[in-house]
Amino acid sequence: MDYNSNGQWRSSGQDPFSSGDLPPFPAGGQGPTFGGSDFHDMGPEKPPKKPRNKGVWKVVALCLVCALIGGLAHPIYQSITGGSGTTLYTGDRTPTQVDTVAVDTSQELTTAEIYAKYVSSCVGITVDIVSTNIFGQTVTRAIAGSGFVITEDGYILTNYHVINGANSIKVTFSDGKEYTATYVGGQERNDIAVIKVEATGLTPVVIGKSSDMLVGEQVTTIGNPLGELTFSETTGIISALDRTITMRDGTQMNMIQTDCAINSGNSGGPLFNSHGEVIGIVSAKYSSGNSSSSASVEGLGFAIPMDDVADMVSDLVSNGYVTGQPLMGISVGDVEQAAQSYGVPAGAIVRVVTSGLCGEKAGLQAGDIITKIDDTEVTSGNDLITAKNTYKPGDTVKLTVYRSGETLTLELTLEESTPEKEALQDEAQKAYKEEQKQQQLQQQQQQGSGGWPFGIY
C-alpha cells in the first residue's frame, strides 16, 4: 500500500506483503486463512498514525534504564540524542572503608587492611653518626631505616646495622609525631636492636611464627625506602625459606627470601603475613654493586625469621642484652689460601685475644689456628662461631690448635656474653684494627722511599 500526500494510505489492490503470486485481496471480501485465523472486512478505512521508528526508541529506552542503574543517565542520553558539548563519564564507586577495630589476625586480611591497621605501628628511623675522616676532621652523616613497635610503652625493634654507631636516634610515626629514642640493647651477629621512645598507648604489632610460612604465601612490608618515601607498602610472596646468606662482613645468617620491593631505608621494617602478623624483620637486599643503593638486581630481598630472634628480643627488652649466649673471648678470621698452599691448615685463625676473658685463660694466642672444637671440624671462622653457638655458658670445650708447626690441645670454659664483656672485645678489636692500619702505612712508606722518581709527590 502507498501513502498519499496527506499522509493517508490508499489501497493498490495488492497485499503489500504478497510475493506477487497470490491474487489481490478483494476490497470487502474474505481473504485466505492463515493458521486457523481469518482476516475479515475491517470496515471503513481510517487515517494512519504518523510512522515512528520504534526500533530506535526501544534502544534509547533500554540505554536509559541501564544508565539510571549505573548513575549515567544524563550523559548517555545526551550522546544518543545528539546533544552538543563534550561528555565525561565518571564513576560513582563508593570508597572502600576499612574498619580497623574489626580487623584481627584470625582471618586473612587484604593488603589495604594490613596497612590501615598497622601503619601506625611502623616508624621511620633517622640516626646521626659522628666519625673522623682520613684528614682527621669530624664529620656527621645521617642514615635512615625502619622499625616497628613491639610494646605499648614505646619499645621498638629494628636492625642493629641501622643504629650501629649512632650519636642520636630520631623516630617518626605516620601521624607526624617525632621522638628522640634511646638505645636499649642489640646483637650485631643477629642484626637486631631494640630502642625506646617515651610514649604510651602505642599500637604494637602481633608477632607470628615464621616456621608456619610456606613458599608462595603472600607477604607485605611497610617501610621508608630511600629515607624519603616514608611509610610505603610493598607486597610480594615468600620466594624461599631457610636461605643461608653471607653478609658483606662474612657473617652467615638464616633468612627468608622475598620478592617484595626492598630498598635502602627498608631495613628494620616488619614483614607481615596475610593475617597481619610479623614473621620477619626486613634486613637485606642482594646487591651486585659495592652498596645496596647501587644494586641492579631486583626481587631478591631478605628478612630475619622471627622464630630465630623472638626470645632474644624479649631478653633485650627485659635485660638490655641477650642472655645465655656463649663467649670465647677471641676474634677470629679465615686462613688465607696463600698460607694453605705452604702447608698451613685451614681453620679459624685467632686475630685478637681479649685480656681477662676465657680465651686468654685457656692459653690461646694471636696467630693460633683452631682446627677442631671437640669432634667438630673447623675450616673457617664461621665454622667455629656456628659450632660455639651450640654450647651454653659454663660448658668446657676441647680445642685442637695449630701453632708454629705444632698441634696443641687446649681446654676452654665458655663464659656468658654480657654488654661489659662485649665492650672489652670491641676495644680490643679497635686496637687491633688501628695496629693493622699503622703497619699498612709503614709498608706503603717503605715501598715509596726508593728514590727518584719514586716517592716524590
Protein backbone atom coordinates (compact mmCIF):
# COMPACT_ATOMS: atom_id res chain seq x y z
CA MET A 1 0.00 0.00 0.00
CA ASP A 2 1.11 3.58 -0.59
CA TYR A 3 0.76 6.88 1.20
CA ASN A 4 -0.71 9.90 -0.47
CA SER A 5 0.45 13.43 0.01
CA ASN A 6 -1.87 13.89 3.00
CA GLY A 7 -0.25 11.13 4.94
CA GLN A 8 -3.17 8.73 4.27
CA TRP A 9 -2.80 5.33 2.78
CA ARG A 10 -4.51 4.09 -0.28
CA SER A 11 -5.06 0.57 -1.49
CA SER A 12 -3.32 -0.53 -4.62
CA GLY A 13 -5.45 -3.66 -4.76
CA GLN A 14 -2.44 -5.75 -3.78
CA ASP A 15 -1.38 -7.15 -0.47
CA PRO A 16 1.76 -5.23 0.41
CA PHE A 17 3.23 -8.41 1.96
CA SER A 18 2.36 -10.57 -1.04
CA SER A 19 5.13 -12.06 -3.12
CA GLY A 20 3.07 -11.36 -6.23
CA ASP A 21 1.95 -14.94 -6.77
CA LEU A 22 -1.30 -14.59 -4.81
CA PRO A 23 -4.38 -12.84 -6.11
CA PRO A 24 -5.18 -9.43 -4.65
CA PHE A 25 -7.45 -9.17 -1.63
CA PRO A 26 -10.97 -8.02 -2.59
CA ALA A 27 -11.97 -4.70 -1.06
CA GLY A 28 -14.71 -6.08 1.10
CA GLY A 29 -14.33 -9.77 0.69
CA GLN A 30 -12.73 -12.55 2.62
CA GLY A 31 -9.12 -13.33 2.21
CA PRO A 32 -7.17 -16.52 2.68
CA THR A 33 -6.87 -18.27 6.03
CA PHE A 34 -3.54 -18.41 7.92
CA GLY A 35 -3.18 -20.85 10.78
CA GLY A 36 -6.91 -21.02 11.54
CA SER A 37 -7.38 -17.28 11.81
CA ASP A 38 -9.37 -15.36 9.22
CA PHE A 39 -8.86 -11.81 8.01
CA HIS A 40 -12.30 -10.20 7.70
CA ASP A 41 -13.54 -6.93 6.39
CA MET A 42 -12.09 -4.22 8.71
CA GLY A 43 -14.74 -1.64 7.79
CA PRO A 44 -14.10 1.87 6.53
CA GLU A 45 -10.55 2.95 6.08
CA LYS A 46 -9.06 5.17 8.89
CA PRO A 47 -6.26 7.63 8.53
CA PRO A 48 -2.99 6.03 9.62
CA LYS A 49 -0.91 7.38 12.51
CA LYS A 50 2.35 9.12 11.76
CA PRO A 51 5.05 6.45 11.43
CA ARG A 52 7.58 6.09 14.20
CA ASN A 53 10.94 4.50 14.25
CA LYS A 54 10.09 2.11 17.09
CA GLY A 55 13.42 0.26 16.91
CA VAL A 56 15.47 3.38 17.71
CA TRP A 57 13.33 4.36 20.69
CA LYS A 58 13.48 0.87 22.11
CA VAL A 59 17.25 1.14 22.09
CA VAL A 60 17.06 4.58 23.71
CA ALA A 61 14.72 3.29 26.40
CA LEU A 62 16.97 0.34 27.13
CA CYS A 63 20.05 2.57 27.39
CA LEU A 64 18.22 4.94 29.73
CA VAL A 65 17.29 2.09 32.04
CA CYS A 66 20.89 0.88 32.11
CA ALA A 67 22.15 4.41 32.62
CA LEU A 68 19.82 5.04 35.53
CA ILE A 69 21.11 1.90 37.18
CA GLY A 70 24.71 2.99 36.66
CA GLY A 71 24.17 6.65 37.53
CA LEU A 72 24.96 7.87 34.00
CA ALA A 73 21.52 8.63 32.55
CA HIS A 74 22.21 12.20 31.52
CA PRO A 75 25.50 11.81 29.65
CA ILE A 76 24.38 8.65 27.81
CA TYR A 77 21.03 10.19 26.80
CA GLN A 78 22.79 13.29 25.60
CA SER A 79 25.21 11.33 23.46
CA ILE A 80 22.43 9.31 21.84
CA THR A 81 20.18 12.26 21.14
CA GLY A 82 22.98 14.30 19.64
CA GLY A 83 23.48 16.79 22.47
CA SER A 84 26.27 19.26 21.97
CA GLY A 85 29.40 19.50 24.11
CA THR A 86 31.93 17.02 25.48
CA THR A 87 30.59 14.23 27.66
CA LEU A 88 32.75 12.97 30.54
CA TYR A 89 31.85 9.65 32.09
CA THR A 90 32.56 9.50 35.82
CA GLY A 91 32.22 6.54 38.16
CA ASP A 92 30.31 6.60 41.39
CA ARG A 93 32.17 3.79 43.21
CA THR A 94 31.84 4.01 46.96
CA PRO A 95 35.36 4.12 48.53
CA THR A 96 36.37 1.05 50.50
CA GLN A 97 36.09 1.62 54.24
CA VAL A 98 38.45 -0.34 56.48
CA ASP A 99 37.17 -0.92 59.99
CA THR A 100 40.45 -1.33 61.84
CA VAL A 101 38.64 -2.25 65.04
CA ALA A 102 37.16 -5.30 63.35
CA VAL A 103 40.49 -6.35 61.81
CA ASP A 104 42.09 -9.26 63.65
CA THR A 105 44.68 -11.90 62.83
CA SER A 106 42.25 -14.84 62.97
CA GLN A 107 41.32 -14.22 59.35
CA GLU A 108 43.19 -13.32 56.20
CA LEU A 109 43.41 -9.61 55.53
CA THR A 110 43.73 -7.57 52.40
CA THR A 111 46.87 -5.50 51.97
CA ALA A 112 44.74 -2.40 52.48
CA GLU A 113 43.53 -3.75 55.84
CA ILE A 114 47.08 -4.61 56.92
CA TYR A 115 48.25 -1.11 56.06
CA ALA A 116 45.30 0.63 57.77
CA LYS A 117 45.68 -1.46 60.90
CA TYR A 118 49.46 -1.40 61.33
CA VAL A 119 50.89 1.68 59.62
CA SER A 120 50.70 3.43 63.00
CA SER A 121 52.87 0.62 64.42
CA CYS A 122 55.63 1.28 61.89
CA VAL A 123 58.24 4.01 62.29
CA GLY A 124 60.90 5.79 60.31
CA ILE A 125 64.31 5.95 61.98
CA THR A 126 66.98 8.57 61.30
CA VAL A 127 70.35 8.41 63.03
CA ASP A 128 73.30 10.80 63.10
CA ILE A 129 76.70 9.13 63.10
CA VAL A 130 79.78 11.12 64.06
CA SER A 131 83.10 9.87 62.68
CA THR A 132 86.58 11.07 61.76
CA ASN A 133 87.66 11.14 58.12
CA ILE A 134 91.14 10.45 56.74
CA PHE A 135 92.11 14.10 57.29
CA GLY A 136 91.28 13.94 60.99
CA GLN A 137 88.15 16.03 60.58
CA THR A 138 84.96 15.22 62.49
CA VAL A 139 82.08 14.57 60.10
CA THR A 140 78.42 13.77 60.72
CA ARG A 141 76.34 11.66 58.37
CA ALA A 142 72.70 10.58 58.52
CA ILE A 143 71.38 7.06 57.99
CA ALA A 144 67.70 6.20 57.51
CA GLY A 145 65.95 2.96 58.35
CA SER A 146 62.69 1.48 59.55
CA GLY A 147 61.33 -0.19 62.67
CA PHE A 148 58.14 -1.32 64.36
CA VAL A 149 56.53 -1.02 67.78
CA ILE A 150 56.56 -4.20 69.89
CA THR A 151 55.12 -2.86 73.20
CA GLU A 152 52.54 -0.25 74.11
CA ASP A 153 55.07 1.67 76.21
CA GLY A 154 57.48 2.51 73.42
CA TYR A 155 59.88 -0.39 72.73
CA ILE A 156 60.75 -0.56 69.03
CA LEU A 157 62.56 -3.33 67.11
CA THR A 158 64.91 -2.61 64.20
CA ASN A 159 68.18 -3.84 62.66
CA TYR A 160 71.44 -3.44 64.52
CA HIS A 161 73.12 -2.01 61.43
CA VAL A 162 70.54 0.81 61.32
CA ILE A 163 71.56 2.25 64.70
CA ASN A 164 75.15 0.99 64.99
CA GLY A 165 77.42 3.88 65.96
CA ALA A 166 74.54 6.34 66.26
CA ASN A 167 75.17 9.59 68.07
CA SER A 168 71.43 10.33 68.12
CA ILE A 169 68.30 8.43 67.08
CA LYS A 170 65.08 10.08 65.87
CA VAL A 171 61.85 8.14 65.42
CA THR A 172 58.91 9.36 63.30
CA PHE A 173 55.38 7.94 63.33
CA SER A 174 52.84 8.02 60.50
CA ASP A 175 50.84 10.78 62.23
CA GLY A 176 53.89 13.06 62.09
CA LYS A 177 54.91 12.78 65.74
CA GLU A 178 58.64 12.63 66.37
CA TYR A 179 60.55 11.29 69.36
CA THR A 180 64.17 11.03 70.40
CA ALA A 181 64.89 7.37 71.08
CA THR A 182 67.40 5.73 73.39
CA TYR A 183 69.35 2.57 72.64
CA VAL A 184 68.26 -0.36 74.85
CA GLY A 185 70.37 -3.21 73.51
CA GLY A 186 71.21 -5.23 70.46
CA GLN A 187 73.17 -8.06 68.95
CA GLU A 188 75.32 -7.42 65.92
CA ARG A 189 75.67 -11.10 64.98
CA ASN A 190 71.90 -11.48 64.53
CA ASP A 191 71.42 -7.88 63.32
CA ILE A 192 68.71 -6.96 65.84
CA ALA A 193 68.39 -3.97 68.14
CA VAL A 194 65.79 -2.53 70.48
CA ILE A 195 65.33 1.21 71.01
CA LYS A 196 62.78 3.03 73.16
CA VAL A 197 60.76 6.23 72.98
CA GLU A 198 58.96 7.88 75.90
CA ALA A 199 55.38 7.28 74.79
CA THR A 200 52.44 5.20 75.97
CA GLY A 201 49.29 3.84 74.38
CA LEU A 202 51.08 2.85 71.19
CA THR A 203 49.78 0.08 68.90
CA PRO A 204 52.19 -2.88 68.91
CA VAL A 205 52.36 -5.38 66.08
CA VAL A 206 51.30 -9.01 66.50
CA ILE A 207 54.23 -11.44 66.29
CA GLY A 208 53.60 -14.54 64.17
CA LYS A 209 55.51 -17.80 63.63
CA SER A 210 57.86 -17.79 60.67
CA SER A 211 58.05 -21.59 60.83
CA ASP A 212 54.39 -21.76 59.75
CA MET A 213 55.07 -19.99 56.46
CA LEU A 214 55.21 -21.72 53.07
CA VAL A 215 56.94 -20.75 49.86
CA GLY A 216 54.46 -18.87 47.68
CA GLU A 217 52.48 -17.30 50.51
CA GLN A 218 51.80 -13.57 50.27
CA VAL A 219 53.77 -11.15 52.44
CA THR A 220 53.74 -7.38 52.88
CA THR A 221 56.19 -4.84 54.26
CA ILE A 222 55.84 -1.21 55.35
CA GLY A 223 58.94 0.95 55.46
CA ASN A 224 60.82 4.05 54.39
CA PRO A 225 62.65 3.31 51.13
CA LEU A 226 65.48 5.75 50.40
CA GLY A 227 64.62 7.53 53.65
CA GLU A 228 62.26 9.78 51.70
CA LEU A 229 59.27 7.69 50.53
CA THR A 230 58.03 7.28 54.06
CA PHE A 231 55.50 4.60 55.06
CA SER A 232 55.43 2.87 51.70
CA GLU A 233 53.77 -0.53 51.46
CA THR A 234 55.04 -3.17 49.05
CA THR A 235 53.80 -6.70 48.65
CA GLY A 236 55.04 -9.98 47.21
CA ILE A 237 55.45 -13.62 48.11
CA ILE A 238 57.87 -15.79 50.02
CA SER A 239 60.36 -16.92 47.40
CA ALA A 240 62.35 -19.28 49.63
CA LEU A 241 62.80 -20.26 53.26
CA ASP A 242 65.97 -21.03 55.25
CA ARG A 243 68.35 -19.28 52.88
CA THR A 244 71.92 -19.12 54.21
CA ILE A 245 73.14 -15.66 53.24
CA THR A 246 76.73 -14.45 53.59
CA MET A 247 76.77 -10.78 54.56
CA ARG A 248 79.42 -8.30 53.40
CA ASP A 249 81.42 -8.79 56.62
CA GLY A 250 81.45 -12.57 56.12
CA THR A 251 78.74 -13.32 58.69
CA GLN A 252 76.32 -16.04 57.63
CA MET A 253 72.64 -15.70 58.51
CA ASN A 254 69.49 -17.74 58.02
CA MET A 255 66.97 -15.69 56.02
CA ILE A 256 63.52 -15.61 54.45
CA GLN A 257 63.75 -14.68 50.76
CA THR A 258 61.00 -12.48 49.30
CA ASP A 259 60.31 -10.56 46.11
CA CYS A 260 58.79 -7.60 47.96
CA ALA A 261 60.32 -4.34 46.73
CA ILE A 262 63.07 -3.67 49.30
CA ASN A 263 65.47 -0.76 49.06
CA SER A 264 67.87 1.21 51.22
CA GLY A 265 65.80 2.57 54.12
CA ASN A 266 63.55 -0.51 54.41
CA SER A 267 65.99 -2.17 56.81
CA GLY A 268 64.41 -2.94 60.17
CA GLY A 269 60.83 -2.86 58.90
CA PRO A 270 58.26 -5.62 59.54
CA LEU A 271 57.43 -8.41 57.11
CA PHE A 272 53.74 -9.27 57.54
CA ASN A 273 52.00 -12.47 56.54
CA SER A 274 48.46 -12.39 55.09
CA HIS A 275 46.99 -12.38 58.62
CA GLY A 276 48.82 -9.19 59.57
CA GLU A 277 51.34 -10.98 61.80
CA VAL A 278 55.03 -10.06 61.71
CA ILE A 279 57.01 -13.12 60.64
CA GLY A 280 60.28 -11.41 59.73
CA ILE A 281 62.48 -8.33 60.03
CA VAL A 282 63.44 -6.84 56.66
CA SER A 283 67.21 -6.81 56.73
CA ALA A 284 68.99 -7.02 53.39
CA LYS A 285 68.79 -6.88 49.62
CA TYR A 286 71.03 -8.75 47.23
CA SER A 287 73.39 -6.32 45.56
CA SER A 288 75.67 -6.71 42.58
CA GLY A 289 77.49 -3.48 43.46
CA ASN A 290 79.51 -2.21 46.40
CA SER A 291 76.47 -0.82 48.23
CA SER A 292 72.77 -1.55 48.49
CA SER A 293 71.98 1.78 46.84
CA SER A 294 73.77 0.67 43.66
CA ALA A 295 72.00 -2.68 43.43
CA SER A 296 70.90 -3.63 39.94
CA VAL A 297 69.39 -6.99 40.92
CA GLU A 298 65.66 -6.82 41.66
CA GLY A 299 63.23 -9.07 43.50
CA LEU A 300 65.81 -10.55 45.89
CA GLY A 301 65.08 -9.27 49.38
CA PHE A 302 65.73 -10.98 52.69
CA ALA A 303 64.23 -10.90 56.18
CA ILE A 304 65.32 -12.37 59.52
CA PRO A 305 62.82 -15.05 60.64
CA MET A 306 61.05 -14.01 63.84
CA ASP A 307 61.35 -17.53 65.26
CA ASP A 308 65.15 -17.13 65.25
CA VAL A 309 65.18 -13.93 67.30
CA ALA A 310 61.90 -13.73 69.26
CA ASP A 311 63.48 -14.95 72.51
CA MET A 312 66.45 -12.63 72.00
CA VAL A 313 64.12 -9.67 71.55
CA SER A 314 62.40 -10.49 74.84
CA ASP A 315 65.81 -10.60 76.53
CA LEU A 316 66.78 -7.25 75.03
CA VAL A 317 63.60 -5.64 76.37
CA SER A 318 63.94 -7.20 79.82
CA ASN A 319 67.71 -7.13 80.35
CA GLY A 320 69.23 -4.91 77.68
CA TYR A 321 71.21 -7.85 76.27
CA VAL A 322 70.65 -11.42 75.09
CA THR A 323 71.17 -13.82 77.97
CA GLY A 324 72.59 -17.31 77.71
CA GLN A 325 74.94 -16.52 74.81
CA PRO A 326 78.35 -18.30 74.98
CA LEU A 327 81.55 -16.30 74.69
CA MET A 328 85.10 -17.45 73.83
CA GLY A 329 86.80 -14.09 74.35
CA ILE A 330 88.53 -14.09 70.96
CA SER A 331 88.08 -12.68 67.46
CA VAL A 332 88.75 -14.99 64.52
CA GLY A 333 89.07 -14.96 60.74
CA ASP A 334 89.84 -17.36 57.88
CA VAL A 335 93.28 -18.74 56.97
CA GLU A 336 94.31 -17.29 53.61
CA GLN A 337 94.63 -19.61 50.62
CA ALA A 338 98.20 -18.46 50.07
CA ALA A 339 99.19 -19.71 53.53
CA GLN A 340 97.39 -23.02 52.99
CA SER A 341 99.46 -23.63 49.85
CA TYR A 342 102.53 -23.74 52.15
CA GLY A 343 101.09 -26.45 54.38
CA VAL A 344 99.27 -24.28 56.90
CA PRO A 345 95.94 -25.99 57.74
CA ALA A 346 92.55 -24.44 57.08
CA GLY A 347 90.74 -23.29 60.20
CA ALA A 348 89.78 -20.29 62.30
CA ILE A 349 92.82 -18.08 62.83
CA VAL A 350 92.81 -16.12 66.09
CA ARG A 351 93.19 -12.40 65.39
CA VAL A 352 92.53 -10.95 68.85
CA VAL A 353 92.60 -12.43 72.34
CA THR A 354 90.73 -10.15 74.76
CA SER A 355 92.56 -9.65 78.03
CA GLY A 356 90.86 -11.08 81.10
CA LEU A 357 88.36 -13.30 79.27
CA CYS A 358 88.17 -17.09 78.91
CA GLY A 359 90.21 -17.28 75.69
CA GLU A 360 93.24 -15.81 77.39
CA LYS A 361 92.68 -18.03 80.45
CA ALA A 362 92.69 -21.12 78.18
CA GLY A 363 96.09 -20.11 76.77
CA LEU A 364 95.04 -19.04 73.26
CA GLN A 365 97.36 -16.63 71.43
CA ALA A 366 97.02 -14.37 68.41
CA GLY A 367 98.02 -16.37 65.31
CA ASP A 368 96.73 -19.70 66.61
CA ILE A 369 94.66 -21.71 64.13
CA ILE A 370 91.73 -23.63 65.63
CA THR A 371 91.03 -26.73 63.53
CA LYS A 372 88.58 -28.54 65.84
CA ILE A 373 86.14 -27.83 68.65
CA ASP A 374 85.59 -31.15 70.40
CA ASP A 375 84.98 -33.55 67.46
CA THR A 376 83.68 -30.90 65.04
CA GLU A 377 86.00 -29.96 62.18
CA VAL A 378 86.66 -26.23 61.78
CA THR A 379 87.78 -24.90 58.39
CA SER A 380 86.80 -21.23 58.76
CA GLY A 381 85.94 -18.57 61.28
CA ASN A 382 82.21 -19.06 60.63
CA ASP A 383 82.57 -22.79 61.30
CA LEU A 384 83.93 -22.02 64.78
CA ILE A 385 81.22 -19.45 65.55
CA THR A 386 78.45 -21.79 64.39
CA ALA A 387 79.79 -24.65 66.47
CA LYS A 388 80.35 -22.43 69.51
CA ASN A 389 76.71 -21.29 69.45
CA THR A 390 75.53 -24.88 70.02
CA TYR A 391 77.00 -24.73 73.54
CA LYS A 392 75.90 -22.93 76.69
CA PRO A 393 77.86 -20.68 79.06
CA GLY A 394 79.73 -22.85 81.56
CA ASP A 395 80.37 -25.69 79.07
CA THR A 396 84.01 -26.75 78.68
CA VAL A 397 85.19 -27.50 75.14
CA LYS A 398 88.39 -29.10 73.81
CA LEU A 399 90.13 -27.06 71.10
CA THR A 400 92.62 -28.52 68.61
CA VAL A 401 95.09 -25.74 67.82
CA TYR A 402 97.86 -25.43 65.22
CA ARG A 403 100.68 -23.14 66.45
CA SER A 404 104.05 -22.60 64.76
CA GLY A 405 104.05 -26.02 63.11
CA GLU A 406 102.79 -27.90 66.19
CA THR A 407 99.36 -29.21 67.15
CA LEU A 408 98.12 -28.47 70.68
CA THR A 409 95.03 -29.34 72.66
CA LEU A 410 93.56 -26.66 74.92
CA GLU A 411 90.51 -26.67 77.16
CA LEU A 412 88.29 -23.58 77.30
CA THR A 413 85.33 -22.94 79.57
CA LEU A 414 82.77 -20.74 77.83
CA GLU A 415 81.56 -17.58 79.57
CA GLU A 416 78.24 -15.78 79.21
CA SER A 417 78.31 -12.78 76.90
CA THR A 418 77.37 -9.52 78.64
CA PRO A 419 77.46 -5.89 77.47
CA GLU A 420 80.56 -5.28 79.60
CA LYS A 421 82.46 -8.21 78.08
CA GLU A 422 81.35 -7.26 74.58
CA ALA A 423 82.65 -3.74 75.22
CA LEU A 424 86.02 -5.21 76.19
CA GLN A 425 86.08 -7.20 72.96
CA ASP A 426 85.13 -4.13 70.93
CA GLU A 427 88.00 -2.15 72.43
CA ALA A 428 90.43 -5.00 71.72
CA GLN A 429 89.26 -5.21 68.11
CA LYS A 430 89.60 -1.44 67.63
CA ALA A 431 93.15 -1.59 68.95
CA TYR A 432 93.92 -4.46 66.57
CA LYS A 433 92.48 -2.59 63.56
CA GLU A 434 94.46 0.52 64.44
CA GLU A 435 97.62 -1.54 64.71
CA GLN A 436 96.96 -3.12 61.31
CA LYS A 437 96.36 0.31 59.80
CA GLN A 438 99.67 1.63 61.12
CA GLN A 439 101.51 -1.41 59.76
CA GLN A 440 100.00 -0.87 56.31
CA LEU A 441 101.04 2.79 56.34
CA GLN A 442 104.60 1.85 57.27
CA GLN A 443 104.74 -0.69 54.46
CA GLN A 444 103.50 1.88 51.97
CA GLN A 445 106.10 4.41 53.15
CA GLN A 446 108.88 1.85 52.85
CA GLN A 447 107.77 0.89 49.35
CA GLY A 448 107.63 4.58 48.34
CA SER A 449 111.11 5.55 49.60
CA GLY A 450 113.17 4.01 46.80
CA GLY A 451 114.46 7.38 45.43
CA TRP A 452 113.77 9.39 42.34
CA PRO A 453 111.38 9.24 40.59
CA PHE A 454 109.61 7.08 43.17
CA GLY A 455 108.41 8.54 46.44
CA ILE A 456 108.38 12.14 45.19
CA TYR A 457 104.86 13.59 45.02
